[in-house]
């Protein structure tokens, strides 16, 4: 099988590409690149089986200085020492990195989609040489220390950092540069990712395929920054349309930014095809946080007839009452009354109760703070000096016992939520899709099987048709691929 025929077969099995819309005017692609884009635009392609050795062109040292590897990518003999091999031996590290990159790109295309321009890396690989040089990649800025660099004009990748050789993600990143059609920033701005990383398209696709958790953290932080800048609150009544627009715009930054000529510019439909899944995901996070804050938090901070304890008397829940003021002077404060609950009041309580700030209502689940602060309050109630102050203020032994029981129960309820819906990111890290759901739902139900909280109104809500459970499951299944590599 020839190299070009093999590459065409590999590409046909590779990308689940969202076909871009036709344009009246196209950038001046070279003939080969334009032909690839047109083939990819014929329609979405399902991800297939990863190629075997027999699917690829023969991998061999074609001369003393060049190894022709997977997908035709050439390895220079300068990398032999870094490979830990001898001249003429197969460079296993290099081969493994190329196949790992291919596998991740294939999986990414199947689950999240990729633009046709990314497919150009397969067209460029047979023309591209990877060399190793610890003194390569000269840069006038001494603060910039790249692991590798690329030249599109010379079809060359230079690996500088031996400790990171060969990284599949870095190889993918540098191959994007070789296409000459993905870079959207100036070289100076690209080389300073800390300054403008969010708007850089090459970094976007790298994170999209190789570090989606990192990309989601970046988009989440940008979304929250936009909400703060626009003074958009998540508290009811919230303008969720504007909140969604802020989420979408956070993703669209690198696909809209453009300072380079002669490259495809994404149109509105294409940007929507890539950014709507991220915006939908961020909005599901927002809705879950709202449900945790305004739906479950009152059940955690409250005390009802269903709870297996004697609830503290109502005066202790009223900050203006003499008993509550006396308890506060001794360092004992109950969380805000769920009937008038607000994130601002909860922030104030956590700062006073355990010296922990709740930075932003959109930023993190309050369940862990409630758990920590309730445990801190419960520990204080064993302090003889605190007990002495409470009794001097007129609180009875029954009052103290009810405060201890309340804080123990609040901490247990908060733990059930914090280790369940409040910690969806942990389950995401354990694996997307059905496998994560299978871990998550039993974990929540197991927490609510504990005798001390089993009959509470909180666990009754979680066992029933809980919005928090449904929202968490939707989050976990959001990136479930329709077609997986076999």
Protein backbone atom coordinates (compact mmCIF):
# COMPACT_ATOMS: atom_id res chain seq x y z
CA UNK A 1 0.00 0.00 0.00
CA UNK A 2 1.38 3.43 -0.90
CA UNK A 3 1.84 6.16 1.68
CA UNK A 4 -0.88 8.42 0.23
CA UNK A 5 -3.37 5.56 -0.12
CA UNK A 6 -2.68 4.44 3.42
CA UNK A 7 -3.17 7.97 4.73
CA UNK A 8 -6.45 8.32 2.87
CA UNK A 9 -7.64 5.08 4.47
CA UNK A 10 -6.53 6.26 7.88
CA UNK A 11 -8.28 9.60 7.45
CA UNK A 12 -11.48 7.95 6.29
CA UNK A 13 -11.56 5.98 9.53
CA UNK A 14 -10.41 8.84 11.69
CA UNK A 15 -12.42 11.98 12.17
CA UNK A 16 -16.01 12.44 13.21
CA UNK A 17 -15.83 15.86 11.60
CA UNK A 18 -18.56 18.44 11.65
CA UNK A 19 -18.65 19.48 8.00
CA UNK A 20 -18.07 23.24 7.65
CA UNK A 21 -20.41 25.30 5.56
CA UNK A 22 -19.44 26.15 1.97
CA UNK A 23 -17.99 29.57 1.32
CA UNK A 24 -18.02 31.89 -1.68
CA UNK A 25 -14.31 32.63 -1.16
CA UNK A 26 -11.73 30.17 0.19
CA UNK A 27 -8.23 30.88 1.49
CA UNK A 28 -5.46 30.00 -0.94
CA UNK A 29 -4.76 26.44 0.22
CA UNK A 30 -2.18 24.43 -1.59
CA UNK A 31 -3.70 21.78 -3.85
CA UNK A 32 -3.20 18.79 -1.53
CA UNK A 33 -4.56 20.55 1.54
CA UNK A 34 -7.59 21.85 -0.34
CA UNK A 35 -8.36 18.35 -1.59
CA UNK A 36 -8.24 16.97 1.96
CA UNK A 37 -10.58 19.65 3.28
CA UNK A 38 -13.06 18.94 0.50
CA UNK A 39 -13.01 15.21 1.26
CA UNK A 40 -13.58 15.88 4.94
CA UNK A 41 -16.42 18.27 4.12
CA UNK A 42 -18.40 15.55 2.40
CA UNK A 43 -20.00 14.72 5.73
CA UNK A 44 -19.45 13.45 9.27
CA UNK A 45 -17.31 10.36 9.58
CA UNK A 46 -17.70 7.81 12.37
CA UNK A 47 -14.56 6.93 14.29
CA UNK A 48 -13.38 3.45 13.43
CA UNK A 49 -10.78 1.00 14.61
CA UNK A 50 -7.31 2.33 15.29
CA UNK A 51 -4.98 1.28 12.48
CA UNK A 52 -2.79 -1.76 12.95
CA UNK A 53 0.81 -2.04 11.79
CA UNK A 54 -0.42 -3.59 8.54
CA UNK A 55 -2.71 -0.60 7.93
CA UNK A 56 0.27 1.77 7.88
CA UNK A 57 3.08 2.22 5.35
CA UNK A 58 6.13 0.16 6.14
CA UNK A 59 8.10 1.69 8.99
CA UNK A 60 11.78 1.56 8.25
CA UNK A 61 15.08 3.45 8.30
CA UNK A 62 15.08 4.74 4.74
CA UNK A 63 18.66 5.98 5.12
CA UNK A 64 21.22 6.48 7.88
CA UNK A 65 19.55 9.70 9.04
CA UNK A 66 15.82 9.10 8.60
CA UNK A 67 13.27 6.68 10.06
CA UNK A 68 9.90 6.63 8.29
CA UNK A 69 7.38 6.06 11.09
CA UNK A 70 3.61 5.87 11.62
CA UNK A 71 1.57 7.87 9.10
CA UNK A 72 4.78 8.65 7.27
CA UNK A 73 6.13 11.01 9.97
CA UNK A 74 9.93 11.07 9.76
CA UNK A 75 12.26 10.80 12.76
CA UNK A 76 15.75 12.23 12.51
CA UNK A 77 18.73 10.21 13.70
CA UNK A 78 19.45 13.01 16.20
CA UNK A 79 16.73 11.44 18.39
CA UNK A 80 18.35 8.00 18.59
CA UNK A 81 20.15 8.81 21.84
CA UNK A 82 16.94 10.12 23.40
CA UNK A 83 15.21 6.94 22.30
CA UNK A 84 17.77 4.88 24.18
CA UNK A 85 18.40 2.79 21.07
CA UNK A 86 21.11 2.37 18.49
CA UNK A 87 21.13 3.48 14.88
CA UNK A 88 19.07 1.12 12.77
CA UNK A 89 16.85 -0.06 15.68
CA UNK A 90 13.14 0.72 15.86
CA UNK A 91 12.42 3.91 17.89
CA UNK A 92 9.72 2.55 20.18
CA UNK A 93 9.16 5.78 22.13
CA UNK A 94 8.52 7.72 18.95
CA UNK A 95 6.20 5.09 17.53
CA UNK A 96 4.24 4.85 20.78
CA UNK A 97 3.79 8.65 20.97
CA UNK A 98 2.49 8.86 17.39
CA UNK A 99 -0.01 6.06 17.93
CA UNK A 100 -1.10 7.54 21.27
CA UNK A 101 -1.65 10.90 19.56
CA UNK A 102 -3.68 9.18 16.83
CA UNK A 103 -5.79 7.33 19.39
CA UNK A 104 -6.55 10.52 21.35
CA UNK A 105 -7.39 12.47 18.20
CA UNK A 106 -9.67 9.68 17.01
CA UNK A 107 -11.44 9.53 20.37
CA UNK A 108 -11.71 13.33 20.47
CA UNK A 109 -13.23 13.44 16.99
CA UNK A 110 -15.78 10.79 17.95
CA UNK A 111 -16.85 12.41 21.22
CA UNK A 112 -16.40 16.15 20.71
CA UNK A 113 -15.77 16.75 17.03
CA UNK A 114 -12.84 18.34 15.23
CA UNK A 115 -12.60 20.80 12.35
CA UNK A 116 -11.26 19.70 8.99
CA UNK A 117 -8.18 21.90 9.43
CA UNK A 118 -6.96 19.63 12.25
CA UNK A 119 -7.09 16.74 9.77
CA UNK A 120 -4.33 18.49 7.84
CA UNK A 121 -1.82 17.09 10.34
CA UNK A 122 -2.20 13.70 8.61
CA UNK A 123 -1.54 15.27 5.23
CA UNK A 124 1.57 17.00 6.56
CA UNK A 125 3.10 14.08 8.47
CA UNK A 126 4.74 12.32 5.45
CA UNK A 127 6.49 15.61 4.67
CA UNK A 128 7.51 16.42 8.28
CA UNK A 129 10.75 15.56 10.09
CA UNK A 130 11.10 15.44 13.88
CA UNK A 131 14.59 16.20 15.14
CA UNK A 132 16.01 16.43 18.67
CA UNK A 133 18.22 19.30 19.73
CA UNK A 134 18.59 20.53 23.32
CA UNK A 135 19.86 23.86 21.97
CA UNK A 136 17.08 24.21 19.41
CA UNK A 137 14.09 26.59 19.42
CA UNK A 138 15.99 29.86 19.88
CA UNK A 139 13.83 32.51 21.52
CA UNK A 140 14.77 36.11 22.31
CA UNK A 141 12.68 35.95 25.49
CA UNK A 142 14.63 34.10 28.24
CA UNK A 143 11.43 33.53 30.21
CA UNK A 144 9.99 31.25 27.50
CA UNK A 145 11.13 27.62 27.67
CA UNK A 146 9.30 25.57 25.00
CA UNK A 147 9.47 21.79 25.01
CA UNK A 148 9.47 21.85 21.21
CA UNK A 149 8.94 24.17 18.27
CA UNK A 150 7.89 23.84 14.64
CA UNK A 151 8.51 25.40 11.25
CA UNK A 152 5.68 25.14 8.74
CA UNK A 153 7.88 26.40 5.91
CA UNK A 154 10.56 23.75 6.53
CA UNK A 155 8.10 21.00 7.60
CA UNK A 156 10.19 20.46 10.71
CA UNK A 157 9.55 19.85 14.41
CA UNK A 158 12.45 20.37 16.80
CA UNK A 159 12.22 18.74 20.21
CA UNK A 160 14.25 20.66 22.79
CA UNK A 161 13.30 19.17 26.17
CA UNK A 162 14.55 15.62 26.50
CA UNK A 163 12.60 15.04 29.75
CA UNK A 164 9.28 15.47 27.91
CA UNK A 165 10.24 13.51 24.79
CA UNK A 166 8.10 12.24 23.20
CA UNK A 167 4.75 13.63 24.45
CA UNK A 168 1.70 12.80 22.33
CA UNK A 169 0.01 16.10 23.27
CA UNK A 170 3.09 18.17 22.38
CA UNK A 171 3.50 16.29 19.11
CA UNK A 172 -0.12 17.10 18.22
CA UNK A 173 0.43 20.74 19.18
CA UNK A 174 3.51 21.10 16.98
CA UNK A 175 1.88 19.33 14.04
CA UNK A 176 -0.88 21.94 14.20
CA UNK A 177 1.80 24.58 13.59
CA UNK A 178 3.14 22.60 10.63
CA UNK A 179 -0.26 22.81 8.91
CA UNK A 180 0.08 26.63 8.82
CA UNK A 181 -3.73 26.89 8.99
CA UNK A 182 -4.50 26.61 12.73
CA UNK A 183 -2.43 29.37 14.33
CA UNK A 184 -4.64 32.41 14.91
CA UNK A 185 -2.34 34.53 17.10
CA UNK A 186 0.94 36.26 16.43
CA UNK A 187 4.01 34.16 17.19
CA UNK A 188 4.91 36.45 20.09
CA UNK A 189 1.47 36.09 21.70
CA UNK A 190 1.42 32.33 21.14
CA UNK A 191 4.81 31.99 22.81
CA UNK A 192 3.42 33.66 25.93
CA UNK A 193 0.46 31.36 26.68
CA UNK A 194 -0.01 32.74 30.18
CA UNK A 195 -1.02 36.08 28.66
CA UNK A 196 -3.57 35.03 26.04
CA UNK A 197 -3.90 31.25 26.28
CA UNK A 198 -7.71 31.29 26.14
CA UNK A 199 -7.82 32.97 22.72
CA UNK A 200 -5.16 30.68 21.17
CA UNK A 201 -6.71 28.14 18.80
CA UNK A 202 -3.76 25.72 18.84
CA UNK A 203 -3.89 25.47 22.64
CA UNK A 204 -7.68 25.16 22.45
CA UNK A 205 -7.63 22.06 20.23
CA UNK A 206 -4.78 20.55 22.24
CA UNK A 207 -6.78 20.89 25.47
CA UNK A 208 -9.99 19.87 23.66
CA UNK A 209 -8.43 16.50 22.82
CA UNK A 210 -5.75 15.91 25.46
CA UNK A 211 -6.84 17.80 28.59
CA UNK A 212 -10.56 18.42 28.54
CA UNK A 213 -10.70 18.71 32.32
CA UNK A 214 -8.13 21.48 32.12
CA UNK A 215 -10.07 23.17 29.33
CA UNK A 216 -13.28 22.99 31.37
CA UNK A 217 -11.47 24.58 34.33
CA UNK A 218 -10.27 27.39 32.06
CA UNK A 219 -13.72 27.92 30.55
CA UNK A 220 -15.36 27.75 33.98
CA UNK A 221 -13.03 30.44 35.32
CA UNK A 222 -13.62 32.64 32.26
CA UNK A 223 -17.37 32.16 32.59
CA UNK A 224 -17.29 33.22 36.23
CA UNK A 225 -15.13 36.22 35.33
CA UNK A 226 -17.68 37.29 32.73
CA UNK A 227 -20.54 36.85 35.20
CA UNK A 228 -18.78 39.04 37.73
CA UNK A 229 -17.91 41.67 35.11
CA UNK A 230 -21.53 41.79 33.95
CA UNK A 231 -22.78 41.65 37.57
CA UNK A 232 -24.91 38.63 36.74
CA UNK A 233 -26.10 36.76 39.82
CA UNK A 234 -27.14 33.12 39.96
CA UNK A 235 -29.58 33.86 42.76
CA UNK A 236 -33.27 33.77 41.81
CA UNK A 237 -34.46 35.47 39.73
CA UNK A 238 -31.41 35.04 37.49
CA UNK A 239 -31.21 36.03 33.83
CA UNK A 240 -30.22 32.57 32.65
CA UNK A 241 -30.19 33.61 29.00
CA UNK A 242 -27.37 36.06 29.67
CA UNK A 243 -25.64 33.48 31.87
CA UNK A 244 -25.74 31.03 28.94
CA UNK A 245 -24.44 33.64 26.50
CA UNK A 246 -21.50 34.28 28.82
CA UNK A 247 -20.75 30.53 28.85
CA UNK A 248 -20.92 30.32 25.05
CA UNK A 249 -18.74 33.39 24.54
CA UNK A 250 -16.13 31.95 26.91
CA UNK A 251 -15.65 29.00 24.54
CA UNK A 252 -15.90 31.02 21.34
CA UNK A 253 -12.94 33.31 22.10
CA UNK A 254 -10.23 31.24 20.30
CA UNK A 255 -12.51 30.46 17.35
CA UNK A 256 -13.37 34.12 16.78
CA UNK A 257 -9.95 35.65 17.36
CA UNK A 258 -7.97 36.10 14.15
CA UNK A 259 -4.82 38.04 13.28
CA UNK A 260 -3.40 35.67 10.65
CA UNK A 261 -4.11 35.77 6.92
CA UNK A 262 -4.68 32.84 4.57
CA UNK A 263 -6.53 30.54 6.95
CA UNK A 264 -10.10 29.38 7.37
CA UNK A 265 -12.17 31.60 9.64
CA UNK A 266 -14.97 29.81 11.46
CA UNK A 267 -18.48 31.00 10.71
CA UNK A 268 -21.26 31.26 13.31
CA UNK A 269 -22.64 27.78 12.59
CA UNK A 270 -19.26 26.15 12.99
CA UNK A 271 -18.53 27.99 16.24
CA UNK A 272 -21.89 26.88 17.56
CA UNK A 273 -21.19 23.25 16.65
CA UNK A 274 -18.04 23.22 18.82
CA UNK A 275 -19.04 25.63 21.60
CA UNK A 276 -22.65 24.72 22.26
CA UNK A 277 -21.65 21.42 23.99
CA UNK A 278 -19.29 23.36 26.27
CA UNK A 279 -21.87 26.08 26.95
CA UNK A 280 -24.52 23.42 27.64
CA UNK A 281 -22.15 21.69 30.04
CA UNK A 282 -21.30 24.92 31.90
CA UNK A 283 -25.02 25.71 32.20
CA UNK A 284 -25.69 22.25 33.62
CA UNK A 285 -23.02 23.00 36.21
CA UNK A 286 -24.73 26.33 36.93
CA UNK A 287 -28.11 24.63 37.31
CA UNK A 288 -26.64 21.97 39.59
CA UNK A 289 -24.99 24.62 41.77
CA UNK A 290 -28.27 26.52 41.92
CA UNK A 291 -30.07 23.33 42.92
CA UNK A 292 -27.45 22.61 45.58
CA UNK A 293 -27.57 26.17 46.87
CA UNK A 294 -31.28 26.89 46.77
CA UNK A 295 -32.80 23.40 46.76
CA UNK A 296 -30.67 21.15 48.96
CA UNK A 297 -28.94 23.69 51.21
CA UNK A 298 -32.15 24.55 53.11
CA UNK A 299 -32.60 20.81 53.76
CA UNK A 300 -29.04 20.63 55.11
CA UNK A 301 -29.18 23.74 57.31
CA UNK A 302 -32.75 23.16 58.47
CA UNK A 303 -34.21 20.95 61.17
CA UNK A 304 -37.61 19.36 60.67
CA UNK A 305 -39.88 16.88 62.39
CA UNK A 306 -38.41 14.15 60.15
CA UNK A 307 -34.92 14.68 61.54
CA UNK A 308 -33.95 12.17 64.27
CA UNK A 309 -32.93 14.84 66.79
CA UNK A 310 -34.52 17.39 69.07
CA UNK A 311 -34.23 20.60 67.07
CA UNK A 312 -32.73 23.66 68.77
CA UNK A 313 -35.43 26.02 69.98
CA UNK A 314 -36.44 28.74 67.56
CA UNK A 315 -34.79 31.53 69.58
CA UNK A 316 -31.37 30.01 68.86
CA UNK A 317 -32.06 30.39 65.11
CA UNK A 318 -32.94 34.08 65.46
CA UNK A 319 -29.73 36.16 65.41
CA UNK A 320 -31.55 39.03 67.12
CA UNK A 321 -32.63 36.96 70.14
CA UNK A 322 -30.78 37.10 73.46
CA UNK A 323 -29.97 33.34 73.53
CA UNK A 324 -28.56 33.46 69.96
CA UNK A 325 -26.45 36.54 70.77
CA UNK A 326 -25.11 34.85 73.90
CA UNK A 327 -24.22 31.72 71.91
CA UNK A 328 -22.55 33.86 69.23
CA UNK A 329 -20.40 35.60 71.85
CA UNK A 330 -19.20 32.15 72.89
CA UNK A 331 -18.40 31.33 69.24
CA UNK A 332 -21.44 29.13 68.58
CA UNK A 333 -23.51 30.16 65.54
CA UNK A 334 -26.15 28.16 63.70
CA UNK A 335 -26.24 28.48 59.89
CA UNK A 336 -28.84 30.81 58.35
CA UNK A 337 -32.47 29.84 58.75
CA UNK A 338 -33.47 27.95 55.58
CA UNK A 339 -36.64 30.01 55.37
CA UNK A 340 -34.56 33.10 54.57
CA UNK A 341 -31.46 31.39 53.17
CA UNK A 342 -29.18 33.33 50.83
CA UNK A 343 -25.58 32.73 49.65
CA UNK A 344 -24.54 36.08 51.15
CA UNK A 345 -25.78 35.08 54.60
CA UNK A 346 -24.13 31.69 54.25
CA UNK A 347 -20.81 33.36 53.33
CA UNK A 348 -21.03 35.53 56.42
CA UNK A 349 -21.82 32.52 58.61
CA UNK A 350 -18.88 30.42 57.33
CA UNK A 351 -16.51 33.32 57.95
CA UNK A 352 -17.73 33.78 61.50
CA UNK A 353 -18.21 30.09 62.31
CA UNK A 354 -14.96 28.64 61.01
CA UNK A 355 -13.06 31.48 59.36
CA UNK A 356 -13.59 30.18 55.82
CA UNK A 357 -14.77 32.37 53.01
CA UNK A 358 -17.16 31.19 50.32
CA UNK A 359 -15.62 33.26 47.48
CA UNK A 360 -18.36 33.32 44.88
CA UNK A 361 -21.77 31.72 44.71
CA UNK A 362 -20.99 30.33 41.25
CA UNK A 363 -17.60 29.00 42.21
CA UNK A 364 -17.96 25.94 44.42
CA UNK A 365 -20.42 23.81 46.30
CA UNK A 366 -21.28 25.11 49.78
CA UNK A 367 -21.77 21.57 51.07
CA UNK A 368 -18.13 21.08 52.05
CA UNK A 369 -18.07 24.40 53.86
CA UNK A 370 -21.20 23.47 55.78
CA UNK A 371 -19.63 20.13 56.69
CA UNK A 372 -16.35 21.71 57.86
CA UNK A 373 -17.99 24.54 59.77
CA UNK A 374 -20.56 22.29 61.45
CA UNK A 375 -17.79 19.99 62.61
CA UNK A 376 -15.83 23.00 63.86
CA UNK A 377 -18.88 24.22 65.77
CA UNK A 378 -19.48 20.77 67.22
CA UNK A 379 -15.88 20.59 68.47
CA UNK A 380 -16.26 23.95 70.22
CA UNK A 381 -19.21 22.56 72.19
CA UNK A 382 -16.81 20.17 73.95
CA UNK A 383 -14.64 23.06 75.13
CA UNK A 384 -15.22 23.62 78.90
CA UNK A 385 -14.68 27.37 78.53
CA UNK A 386 -17.34 27.60 75.80
CA UNK A 387 -19.76 25.51 77.84
CA UNK A 388 -19.16 27.76 80.82
CA UNK A 389 -20.00 30.85 78.76
CA UNK A 390 -23.17 29.25 77.39
CA UNK A 391 -24.42 28.26 80.83
CA UNK A 392 -23.59 31.72 82.21
CA UNK A 393 -25.73 33.18 79.43
CA UNK A 394 -28.68 31.05 80.47
CA UNK A 395 -28.51 28.20 77.95
CA UNK A 396 -29.67 24.93 79.48
CA UNK A 397 -28.07 21.52 79.20
CA UNK A 398 -30.90 20.65 76.83
CA UNK A 399 -29.98 23.65 74.65
CA UNK A 400 -26.35 22.56 74.51
CA UNK A 401 -27.35 18.96 73.70
CA UNK A 402 -29.61 20.18 70.87
CA UNK A 403 -26.80 22.33 69.45
CA UNK A 404 -24.42 19.36 69.49
CA UNK A 405 -26.96 17.10 67.81
CA UNK A 406 -27.83 19.75 65.21
CA UNK A 407 -24.21 20.29 64.17
CA UNK A 408 -23.52 16.56 63.99
CA UNK A 409 -26.57 16.07 61.79
CA UNK A 410 -25.80 19.09 59.58
CA UNK A 411 -22.26 17.83 59.03
CA UNK A 412 -23.53 14.35 58.14
CA UNK A 413 -26.12 15.71 55.71
CA UNK A 414 -23.58 18.05 54.13
CA UNK A 415 -21.16 15.14 53.71
CA UNK A 416 -23.84 13.13 51.87
CA UNK A 417 -24.35 15.99 49.42
CA UNK A 418 -20.70 17.00 49.25
CA UNK A 419 -19.56 13.46 48.41
CA UNK A 420 -22.42 13.06 45.94
CA UNK A 421 -23.91 15.85 43.80
CA UNK A 422 -21.53 18.39 45.32
CA UNK A 423 -18.54 16.48 44.01
CA UNK A 424 -19.49 15.62 40.46
CA UNK A 425 -16.01 16.61 39.24
CA UNK A 426 -14.50 13.71 41.18
CA UNK A 427 -16.75 11.26 39.39
CA UNK A 428 -15.87 12.92 36.08
CA UNK A 429 -12.21 12.17 36.79
CA UNK A 430 -13.03 8.52 37.49
CA UNK A 431 -14.45 8.14 34.00
CA UNK A 432 -17.09 9.71 31.81
CA UNK A 433 -20.41 8.25 30.91
CA UNK A 434 -22.10 5.17 32.23
CA UNK A 435 -19.12 3.98 34.27
CA UNK A 436 -19.11 7.23 36.26
CA UNK A 437 -22.87 7.11 36.79
CA UNK A 438 -22.55 3.56 38.10
CA UNK A 439 -20.09 4.85 40.71
CA UNK A 440 -21.98 8.02 41.53
CA UNK A 441 -25.57 6.88 42.21
CA UNK A 442 -24.63 4.03 44.62
CA UNK A 443 -22.28 6.41 46.45
CA UNK A 444 -25.12 8.86 47.12
CA UNK A 445 -27.55 6.13 48.17
CA UNK A 446 -24.92 4.57 50.44
CA UNK A 447 -24.47 7.88 52.25
CA UNK A 448 -28.19 8.15 52.80
CA UNK A 449 -28.34 4.61 54.17
CA UNK A 450 -26.57 5.79 57.32
CA UNK A 451 -28.91 5.50 60.33
CA UNK A 452 -28.27 9.09 61.49
CA UNK A 453 -29.55 10.67 58.26
CA UNK A 454 -31.56 7.89 56.62
CA UNK A 455 -34.96 9.33 57.56
CA UNK A 456 -34.14 13.03 57.06
CA UNK A 457 -36.02 15.14 54.53
CA UNK A 458 -32.74 15.60 52.67
CA UNK A 459 -32.28 11.89 52.03
CA UNK A 460 -35.95 11.49 51.23
CA UNK A 461 -35.40 14.08 48.48
CA UNK A 462 -32.22 12.37 47.22
CA UNK A 463 -33.87 8.94 47.15
CA UNK A 464 -36.90 10.31 45.34
CA UNK A 465 -36.92 11.99 41.94
CA UNK A 466 -34.13 14.40 42.92
CA UNK A 467 -33.26 17.27 40.58
CA UNK A 468 -29.71 17.24 41.94
CA UNK A 469 -29.26 13.56 41.07
CA UNK A 470 -30.71 14.05 37.58
CA UNK A 471 -28.54 17.09 36.91
CA UNK A 472 -25.42 15.27 38.07
CA UNK A 473 -26.17 12.26 35.86
CA UNK A 474 -26.69 14.61 32.90
CA UNK A 475 -23.28 16.14 33.58
CA UNK A 476 -21.62 12.74 33.70
CA UNK A 477 -23.29 11.60 30.48
CA UNK A 478 -22.82 14.86 28.58
CA UNK A 479 -19.62 13.79 26.83
CA UNK A 480 -20.74 10.21 26.32
CA UNK A 481 -19.61 9.40 22.75
CA UNK A 482 -22.16 8.26 20.23
CA UNK A 483 -19.47 6.21 18.53
CA UNK A 484 -16.45 4.83 20.38
CA UNK A 485 -13.28 3.41 18.88
CA UNK A 486 -13.36 -0.39 19.05
